[in-house]
């Protein structure tokens, strides 16, 4: 697949757009459909699109953080988000919210522990998907040439 000019150019063009879309889906998810899981899949897809067009080495270079580290940090963030409620005497994973505020062009912003939990899920999903695909690429499955039957 590395020889596809169109896929290579599409990956370079769509990479930042897919990452931005993944962040929008992540933020929107604690109030509406979406969230960390779907946002994480979109972010991982942006890296994989680059990998299909320019090779998995280029995708790894763009990640900059080992996927296993992303998984660990994501799990840690998700657990920490649940501890805030416990500090106040509430059950684990009780949602706590900061006061809402408004920003020009963005509207009302809601921040709280559910969003922090979604960030943990987001990082974990990105790490898991990229770790899995990079491992398969290392094994040789992603780079095999198609052979025509005899």
N, C-alpha and C. Protein backbone atom coordinates (compact mmCIF):
# COMPACT_ATOMS: atom_id res chain seq x y z
N UNK A 1 0.81 -1.21 0.00
CA UNK A 1 0.00 0.00 0.00
C UNK A 1 0.85 1.27 0.00
N UNK A 2 2.12 1.18 0.36
CA UNK A 2 2.95 2.37 0.47
C UNK A 2 3.11 3.10 -0.86
N UNK A 3 2.81 2.44 -1.97
CA UNK A 3 3.05 3.04 -3.27
C UNK A 3 1.87 3.87 -3.78
N UNK A 4 0.81 4.00 -3.00
CA UNK A 4 -0.38 4.70 -3.45
C UNK A 4 -0.22 6.21 -3.22
N UNK A 5 -0.07 6.93 -4.31
CA UNK A 5 0.08 8.38 -4.25
C UNK A 5 -1.17 9.02 -3.64
N UNK A 6 -2.34 8.56 -4.07
CA UNK A 6 -3.60 9.16 -3.59
C UNK A 6 -3.79 8.89 -2.10
N UNK A 7 -3.53 7.67 -1.66
CA UNK A 7 -3.70 7.35 -0.24
C UNK A 7 -2.69 8.12 0.61
N UNK A 8 -1.49 8.27 0.11
CA UNK A 8 -0.47 9.02 0.82
C UNK A 8 -0.88 10.48 0.99
N UNK A 9 -1.35 11.10 -0.07
CA UNK A 9 -1.77 12.51 0.00
C UNK A 9 -3.03 12.66 0.84
N UNK A 10 -3.96 11.74 0.70
CA UNK A 10 -5.19 11.81 1.50
C UNK A 10 -4.87 11.69 2.99
N UNK A 11 -3.94 10.80 3.32
CA UNK A 11 -3.55 10.64 4.72
C UNK A 11 -2.95 11.91 5.29
N UNK A 12 -2.10 12.55 4.51
CA UNK A 12 -1.47 13.79 4.97
C UNK A 12 -2.49 14.91 5.14
N UNK A 13 -3.47 14.96 4.26
CA UNK A 13 -4.49 16.00 4.32
C UNK A 13 -5.50 15.73 5.44
N UNK A 14 -5.92 14.48 5.57
CA UNK A 14 -6.98 14.15 6.52
C UNK A 14 -6.48 13.95 7.95
N UNK A 15 -5.19 13.72 8.13
CA UNK A 15 -4.64 13.46 9.47
C UNK A 15 -5.03 14.54 10.49
N UNK A 16 -4.74 15.81 10.24
CA UNK A 16 -5.11 16.82 11.26
C UNK A 16 -6.62 16.99 11.39
N UNK A 17 -7.35 16.81 10.30
CA UNK A 17 -8.81 16.95 10.37
C UNK A 17 -9.44 15.84 11.20
N UNK A 18 -8.95 14.61 11.03
CA UNK A 18 -9.47 13.50 11.82
C UNK A 18 -9.12 13.65 13.29
N UNK A 19 -7.91 14.15 13.58
CA UNK A 19 -7.55 14.38 14.98
C UNK A 19 -8.44 15.44 15.62
N UNK A 20 -8.71 16.52 14.89
CA UNK A 20 -9.60 17.55 15.40
C UNK A 20 -11.01 17.01 15.61
N UNK A 21 -11.49 16.25 14.65
CA UNK A 21 -12.81 15.64 14.78
C UNK A 21 -12.86 14.71 15.99
N UNK A 22 -11.78 13.96 16.22
CA UNK A 22 -11.76 13.05 17.38
C UNK A 22 -11.87 13.83 18.69
N UNK A 23 -11.21 14.99 18.76
CA UNK A 23 -11.30 15.82 19.97
C UNK A 23 -12.70 16.41 20.15
N UNK A 24 -13.33 16.79 19.06
CA UNK A 24 -14.71 17.29 19.15
C UNK A 24 -15.66 16.20 19.62
N UNK A 25 -15.51 15.00 19.09
CA UNK A 25 -16.36 13.88 19.51
C UNK A 25 -16.08 13.53 20.97
N UNK A 26 -14.83 13.60 21.38
CA UNK A 26 -14.47 13.35 22.78
C UNK A 26 -15.18 14.35 23.69
N UNK A 27 -15.07 15.63 23.39
CA UNK A 27 -15.68 16.65 24.25
C UNK A 27 -17.21 16.55 24.27
N UNK A 28 -17.79 16.35 23.13
CA UNK A 28 -19.24 16.29 23.01
C UNK A 28 -19.81 15.08 23.73
N UNK A 29 -19.02 14.04 23.90
CA UNK A 29 -19.52 12.76 24.38
C UNK A 29 -20.00 12.71 25.81
N UNK A 30 -19.56 13.62 26.67
CA UNK A 30 -20.05 13.51 28.05
C UNK A 30 -21.44 14.10 28.21
N UNK A 31 -21.96 14.77 27.19
CA UNK A 31 -23.34 15.28 27.24
C UNK A 31 -24.22 14.66 26.15
N UNK A 32 -23.64 14.25 25.06
CA UNK A 32 -24.37 13.73 23.90
C UNK A 32 -23.67 12.47 23.40
N UNK A 33 -24.21 11.79 22.39
CA UNK A 33 -23.52 10.60 21.86
C UNK A 33 -22.12 10.93 21.39
N UNK A 34 -21.23 10.02 21.60
CA UNK A 34 -19.82 10.20 21.26
C UNK A 34 -19.01 9.84 22.49
N UNK A 35 -17.90 10.45 22.68
CA UNK A 35 -17.12 10.23 23.88
C UNK A 35 -15.75 9.68 23.59
N UNK A 36 -15.13 9.17 24.66
CA UNK A 36 -13.75 8.73 24.59
C UNK A 36 -13.52 7.56 23.66
N UNK A 37 -14.45 6.62 23.62
CA UNK A 37 -14.23 5.43 22.80
C UNK A 37 -14.25 5.78 21.31
N UNK A 38 -15.30 6.44 20.87
CA UNK A 38 -15.41 6.79 19.44
C UNK A 38 -14.34 7.81 19.07
N UNK A 39 -14.08 8.78 19.94
CA UNK A 39 -13.03 9.76 19.67
C UNK A 39 -11.66 9.08 19.56
N UNK A 40 -11.40 8.11 20.43
CA UNK A 40 -10.14 7.36 20.37
C UNK A 40 -10.00 6.57 19.09
N UNK A 41 -11.10 5.96 18.64
CA UNK A 41 -11.07 5.23 17.37
C UNK A 41 -10.78 6.16 16.21
N UNK A 42 -11.37 7.34 16.22
CA UNK A 42 -11.10 8.32 15.14
C UNK A 42 -9.64 8.77 15.16
N UNK A 43 -9.11 9.03 16.35
CA UNK A 43 -7.71 9.45 16.44
C UNK A 43 -6.78 8.34 15.96
N UNK A 44 -7.04 7.12 16.38
CA UNK A 44 -6.21 5.99 15.93
C UNK A 44 -6.32 5.82 14.42
N UNK A 45 -7.53 6.01 13.89
CA UNK A 45 -7.72 5.89 12.43
C UNK A 45 -6.90 6.93 11.68
N UNK A 46 -6.73 8.12 12.26
CA UNK A 46 -5.93 9.14 11.58
C UNK A 46 -4.48 8.69 11.45
N UNK A 47 -3.94 8.07 12.50
CA UNK A 47 -2.57 7.56 12.44
C UNK A 47 -2.46 6.38 11.48
N UNK A 48 -3.48 5.52 11.49
CA UNK A 48 -3.44 4.36 10.62
C UNK A 48 -3.59 4.74 9.15
N UNK A 49 -4.33 5.79 8.86
CA UNK A 49 -4.43 6.26 7.48
C UNK A 49 -3.07 6.72 6.98
N UNK A 50 -2.33 7.42 7.83
CA UNK A 50 -0.96 7.80 7.48
C UNK A 50 -0.11 6.55 7.29
N UNK A 51 -0.27 5.56 8.16
CA UNK A 51 0.49 4.32 8.06
C UNK A 51 0.22 3.56 6.78
N UNK A 52 -1.02 3.57 6.33
CA UNK A 52 -1.35 2.88 5.08
C UNK A 52 -0.79 3.60 3.87
N UNK A 53 -0.75 4.92 3.93
CA UNK A 53 -0.26 5.68 2.79
C UNK A 53 1.25 5.85 2.76
N UNK A 54 1.87 6.04 3.91
CA UNK A 54 3.30 6.35 3.97
C UNK A 54 4.12 5.32 4.73
N UNK A 55 3.49 4.26 5.19
CA UNK A 55 4.20 3.22 5.94
C UNK A 55 4.00 3.37 7.44
N UNK A 56 4.04 2.25 8.12
CA UNK A 56 3.82 2.23 9.57
C UNK A 56 4.92 2.97 10.32
N UNK A 57 6.12 3.04 9.75
CA UNK A 57 7.20 3.79 10.42
C UNK A 57 6.84 5.26 10.53
N UNK A 58 6.22 5.81 9.50
CA UNK A 58 5.78 7.22 9.55
C UNK A 58 4.66 7.40 10.57
N UNK A 59 3.75 6.44 10.64
CA UNK A 59 2.67 6.52 11.63
C UNK A 59 3.25 6.48 13.04
N UNK A 60 4.21 5.59 13.28
CA UNK A 60 4.85 5.51 14.60
C UNK A 60 5.56 6.82 14.94
N UNK A 61 6.21 7.42 13.95
CA UNK A 61 6.92 8.68 14.17
C UNK A 61 5.95 9.77 14.60
N UNK A 62 4.76 9.77 14.01
CA UNK A 62 3.78 10.80 14.35
C UNK A 62 3.15 10.60 15.71
N UNK A 63 3.08 9.37 16.18
CA UNK A 63 2.48 9.12 17.50
C UNK A 63 3.36 9.73 18.60
N UNK A 64 4.66 9.57 18.50
CA UNK A 64 5.66 10.15 19.41
C UNK A 64 5.66 9.56 20.81
N UNK A 65 4.57 8.95 21.24
CA UNK A 65 4.49 8.31 22.56
C UNK A 65 4.21 6.84 22.30
N UNK A 66 4.95 5.94 22.93
CA UNK A 66 4.67 4.51 22.71
C UNK A 66 3.22 4.18 23.05
N UNK A 67 2.54 3.41 22.20
CA UNK A 67 1.13 3.09 22.47
C UNK A 67 0.90 2.43 23.83
N UNK A 68 1.83 1.61 24.30
CA UNK A 68 1.66 0.99 25.62
C UNK A 68 1.64 2.05 26.72
N UNK A 69 2.42 3.11 26.56
CA UNK A 69 2.41 4.21 27.53
C UNK A 69 1.07 4.93 27.48
N UNK A 70 0.53 5.14 26.27
CA UNK A 70 -0.79 5.77 26.14
C UNK A 70 -1.85 4.96 26.87
N UNK A 71 -1.79 3.64 26.72
CA UNK A 71 -2.76 2.78 27.42
C UNK A 71 -2.64 2.95 28.92
N UNK A 72 -1.43 2.92 29.45
CA UNK A 72 -1.23 3.05 30.89
C UNK A 72 -1.67 4.39 31.43
N UNK A 73 -1.31 5.46 30.72
CA UNK A 73 -1.71 6.80 31.15
C UNK A 73 -3.23 6.93 31.10
N UNK A 74 -3.84 6.40 30.03
CA UNK A 74 -5.29 6.46 29.91
C UNK A 74 -6.00 5.74 31.04
N UNK A 75 -5.52 4.55 31.38
CA UNK A 75 -6.13 3.82 32.50
C UNK A 75 -5.95 4.57 33.81
N UNK A 76 -4.78 5.17 33.99
CA UNK A 76 -4.53 5.96 35.20
C UNK A 76 -5.46 7.17 35.30
N UNK A 77 -5.65 7.87 34.20
CA UNK A 77 -6.53 9.04 34.19
C UNK A 77 -7.97 8.62 34.49
N UNK A 78 -8.41 7.50 33.91
CA UNK A 78 -9.78 7.02 34.17
C UNK A 78 -9.97 6.68 35.64
N UNK A 79 -9.00 6.02 36.24
CA UNK A 79 -9.10 5.67 37.67
C UNK A 79 -9.09 6.93 38.53
N UNK A 80 -8.19 7.85 38.21
CA UNK A 80 -8.10 9.09 38.99
C UNK A 80 -9.41 9.87 38.93
N UNK A 81 -10.08 9.85 37.76
CA UNK A 81 -11.35 10.57 37.64
C UNK A 81 -12.40 10.02 38.60
N UNK A 82 -12.32 8.73 38.90
CA UNK A 82 -13.27 8.13 39.84
C UNK A 82 -12.96 8.41 41.29
N UNK A 83 -11.72 8.76 41.57
CA UNK A 83 -11.32 8.99 42.96
C UNK A 83 -11.78 10.34 43.50
N UNK A 84 -12.02 11.31 42.61
CA UNK A 84 -12.44 12.64 43.08
C UNK A 84 -13.73 12.57 43.89
N UNK A 85 -14.70 11.78 43.44
CA UNK A 85 -15.94 11.63 44.19
C UNK A 85 -15.70 11.01 45.56
N UNK A 86 -14.81 10.03 45.61
CA UNK A 86 -14.52 9.36 46.87
C UNK A 86 -13.88 10.31 47.88
N UNK A 87 -13.09 11.27 47.40
CA UNK A 87 -12.49 12.25 48.31
C UNK A 87 -13.54 13.07 49.03
N UNK A 88 -14.69 13.24 48.38
CA UNK A 88 -15.78 13.99 49.00
C UNK A 88 -16.79 13.11 49.73
N UNK A 89 -16.48 11.82 49.86
CA UNK A 89 -17.38 10.91 50.57
C UNK A 89 -18.43 10.25 49.69
N UNK A 90 -18.40 10.50 48.39
CA UNK A 90 -19.36 9.90 47.46
C UNK A 90 -18.79 8.58 46.92
N UNK A 91 -19.62 7.77 46.26
CA UNK A 91 -19.12 6.52 45.68
C UNK A 91 -18.11 6.77 44.55
N UNK A 92 -17.32 5.73 44.26
CA UNK A 92 -16.35 5.77 43.17
C UNK A 92 -17.06 6.11 41.86
N UNK A 93 -16.44 6.94 41.04
CA UNK A 93 -16.94 7.41 39.75
C UNK A 93 -18.16 8.33 39.84
N UNK A 94 -18.40 8.94 40.99
CA UNK A 94 -19.45 9.95 41.08
C UNK A 94 -19.00 11.18 40.31
N UNK A 95 -19.87 11.68 39.43
CA UNK A 95 -19.52 12.84 38.62
C UNK A 95 -19.53 14.13 39.41
N UNK A 96 -18.46 14.89 39.29
CA UNK A 96 -18.36 16.21 39.90
C UNK A 96 -18.13 17.22 38.78
N UNK A 97 -18.75 18.40 38.89
CA UNK A 97 -18.68 19.39 37.81
C UNK A 97 -18.14 20.71 38.31
N UNK A 98 -17.33 21.33 37.49
CA UNK A 98 -16.90 22.71 37.74
C UNK A 98 -18.02 23.63 37.25
N UNK A 99 -18.06 24.86 37.73
CA UNK A 99 -19.06 25.79 37.19
C UNK A 99 -18.88 25.98 35.68
N UNK A 100 -19.99 26.02 34.96
CA UNK A 100 -19.95 26.22 33.51
C UNK A 100 -19.55 27.65 33.19
N UNK A 101 -18.94 27.81 32.03
CA UNK A 101 -18.57 29.15 31.58
C UNK A 101 -18.73 29.20 30.06
N UNK A 102 -18.79 30.40 29.52
CA UNK A 102 -19.00 30.58 28.09
C UNK A 102 -17.75 31.15 27.44
N UNK A 103 -17.51 30.70 26.21
CA UNK A 103 -16.43 31.23 25.39
C UNK A 103 -16.99 31.67 24.05
N UNK A 104 -16.48 32.78 23.50
CA UNK A 104 -16.96 33.20 22.20
C UNK A 104 -16.71 32.10 21.16
N UNK A 105 -17.63 31.91 20.29
CA UNK A 105 -17.60 30.92 19.20
C UNK A 105 -17.77 29.49 19.66
N UNK A 106 -17.54 29.19 20.94
CA UNK A 106 -17.67 27.82 21.42
C UNK A 106 -18.92 27.60 22.26
N UNK A 107 -19.47 28.65 22.83
CA UNK A 107 -20.67 28.53 23.65
C UNK A 107 -20.33 28.15 25.08
N UNK A 108 -21.27 27.49 25.74
CA UNK A 108 -21.10 27.12 27.14
C UNK A 108 -20.21 25.89 27.25
N UNK A 109 -19.25 25.97 28.14
CA UNK A 109 -18.29 24.88 28.35
C UNK A 109 -18.60 24.21 29.69
N UNK A 110 -18.72 22.88 29.67
CA UNK A 110 -18.97 22.09 30.87
C UNK A 110 -17.76 21.19 31.11
N UNK A 111 -17.12 21.34 32.26
CA UNK A 111 -15.97 20.51 32.59
C UNK A 111 -16.22 19.78 33.90
N UNK A 112 -15.86 18.51 33.93
CA UNK A 112 -16.04 17.73 35.15
C UNK A 112 -15.36 16.38 35.04
N UNK A 113 -15.56 15.56 36.06
CA UNK A 113 -14.92 14.25 36.09
C UNK A 113 -15.42 13.31 34.99
N UNK A 114 -16.67 13.40 34.50
CA UNK A 114 -17.03 12.54 33.37
C UNK A 114 -16.17 12.81 32.13
N UNK A 115 -15.84 14.07 31.89
CA UNK A 115 -14.96 14.38 30.76
C UNK A 115 -13.56 13.84 31.02
N UNK A 116 -13.08 13.94 32.26
CA UNK A 116 -11.77 13.39 32.60
C UNK A 116 -11.75 11.87 32.38
N UNK A 117 -12.82 11.19 32.76
CA UNK A 117 -12.94 9.75 32.52
C UNK A 117 -12.88 9.46 31.02
N UNK A 118 -13.62 10.26 30.23
CA UNK A 118 -13.61 10.07 28.78
C UNK A 118 -12.23 10.30 28.18
N UNK A 119 -11.45 11.23 28.74
CA UNK A 119 -10.08 11.44 28.26
C UNK A 119 -9.25 10.18 28.53
N UNK A 120 -9.45 9.56 29.68
CA UNK A 120 -8.76 8.30 29.98
C UNK A 120 -9.12 7.21 29.00
N UNK A 121 -10.40 7.09 28.70
CA UNK A 121 -10.85 6.09 27.71
C UNK A 121 -10.26 6.41 26.34
N UNK A 122 -10.28 7.68 25.96
CA UNK A 122 -9.72 8.15 24.68
C UNK A 122 -8.27 7.70 24.52
N UNK A 123 -7.45 7.98 25.53
CA UNK A 123 -6.03 7.62 25.46
C UNK A 123 -5.83 6.11 25.45
N UNK A 124 -6.63 5.38 26.24
CA UNK A 124 -6.53 3.93 26.29
C UNK A 124 -6.88 3.30 24.95
N UNK A 125 -7.94 3.78 24.31
CA UNK A 125 -8.35 3.23 23.02
C UNK A 125 -7.31 3.52 21.95
N UNK A 126 -6.79 4.74 21.91
CA UNK A 126 -5.74 5.07 20.94
C UNK A 126 -4.55 4.13 21.14
N UNK A 127 -4.11 4.00 22.38
CA UNK A 127 -2.96 3.14 22.68
C UNK A 127 -3.20 1.69 22.29
N UNK A 128 -4.38 1.17 22.62
CA UNK A 128 -4.68 -0.23 22.32
C UNK A 128 -4.72 -0.49 20.82
N UNK A 129 -5.45 0.35 20.09
CA UNK A 129 -5.58 0.14 18.64
C UNK A 129 -4.22 0.25 17.97
N UNK A 130 -3.46 1.27 18.30
CA UNK A 130 -2.16 1.45 17.65
C UNK A 130 -1.17 0.35 18.05
N UNK A 131 -1.20 -0.05 19.31
CA UNK A 131 -0.32 -1.15 19.74
C UNK A 131 -0.64 -2.43 18.97
N UNK A 132 -1.93 -2.71 18.82
CA UNK A 132 -2.35 -3.92 18.11
C UNK A 132 -1.94 -3.87 16.65
N UNK A 133 -2.21 -2.77 15.98
CA UNK A 133 -1.89 -2.67 14.55
C UNK A 133 -0.38 -2.64 14.32
N UNK A 134 0.35 -1.91 15.14
CA UNK A 134 1.81 -1.88 14.99
C UNK A 134 2.41 -3.26 15.25
N UNK A 135 1.84 -4.00 16.21
CA UNK A 135 2.34 -5.35 16.46
C UNK A 135 2.07 -6.26 15.27
N UNK A 136 0.91 -6.14 14.67
CA UNK A 136 0.62 -6.94 13.48
C UNK A 136 1.53 -6.54 12.32
N UNK A 137 1.82 -5.26 12.20
CA UNK A 137 2.73 -4.80 11.15
C UNK A 137 4.13 -5.36 11.37
N UNK A 138 4.58 -5.40 12.63
CA UNK A 138 5.89 -5.98 12.95
C UNK A 138 5.92 -7.47 12.63
N UNK A 139 4.80 -8.11 12.81
CA UNK A 139 4.69 -9.54 12.53
C UNK A 139 4.73 -9.81 11.03
N UNK A 140 4.43 -8.77 10.24
CA UNK A 140 4.51 -8.89 8.79
C UNK A 140 3.18 -8.97 8.09
N UNK A 141 2.08 -8.91 8.82
CA UNK A 141 0.77 -9.06 8.19
C UNK A 141 0.36 -7.81 7.43
N UNK A 142 0.76 -6.65 7.89
CA UNK A 142 0.32 -5.41 7.25
C UNK A 142 1.12 -5.08 6.00
N UNK A 143 2.29 -5.65 5.84
CA UNK A 143 3.16 -5.27 4.72
C UNK A 143 3.28 -6.36 3.66
N UNK A 144 2.50 -7.44 3.76
CA UNK A 144 2.61 -8.53 2.79
C UNK A 144 2.14 -8.08 1.42
N UNK A 145 2.86 -8.49 0.40
CA UNK A 145 2.44 -8.21 -0.97
C UNK A 145 1.38 -9.22 -1.37
N UNK A 146 0.42 -8.75 -2.15
CA UNK A 146 -0.60 -9.67 -2.65
C UNK A 146 -0.02 -10.45 -3.83
N UNK A 147 -0.17 -11.76 -3.76
CA UNK A 147 0.31 -12.60 -4.85
C UNK A 147 -0.87 -13.05 -5.69
N UNK A 148 -0.66 -13.07 -6.99
CA UNK A 148 -1.71 -13.54 -7.87
C UNK A 148 -1.71 -15.06 -7.88
N UNK A 149 -2.91 -15.67 -7.85
CA UNK A 149 -2.97 -17.12 -7.86
C UNK A 149 -2.41 -17.67 -9.17
N UNK A 150 -1.68 -18.79 -9.04
CA UNK A 150 -0.96 -19.45 -10.03
C UNK A 150 -1.23 -19.63 -11.39
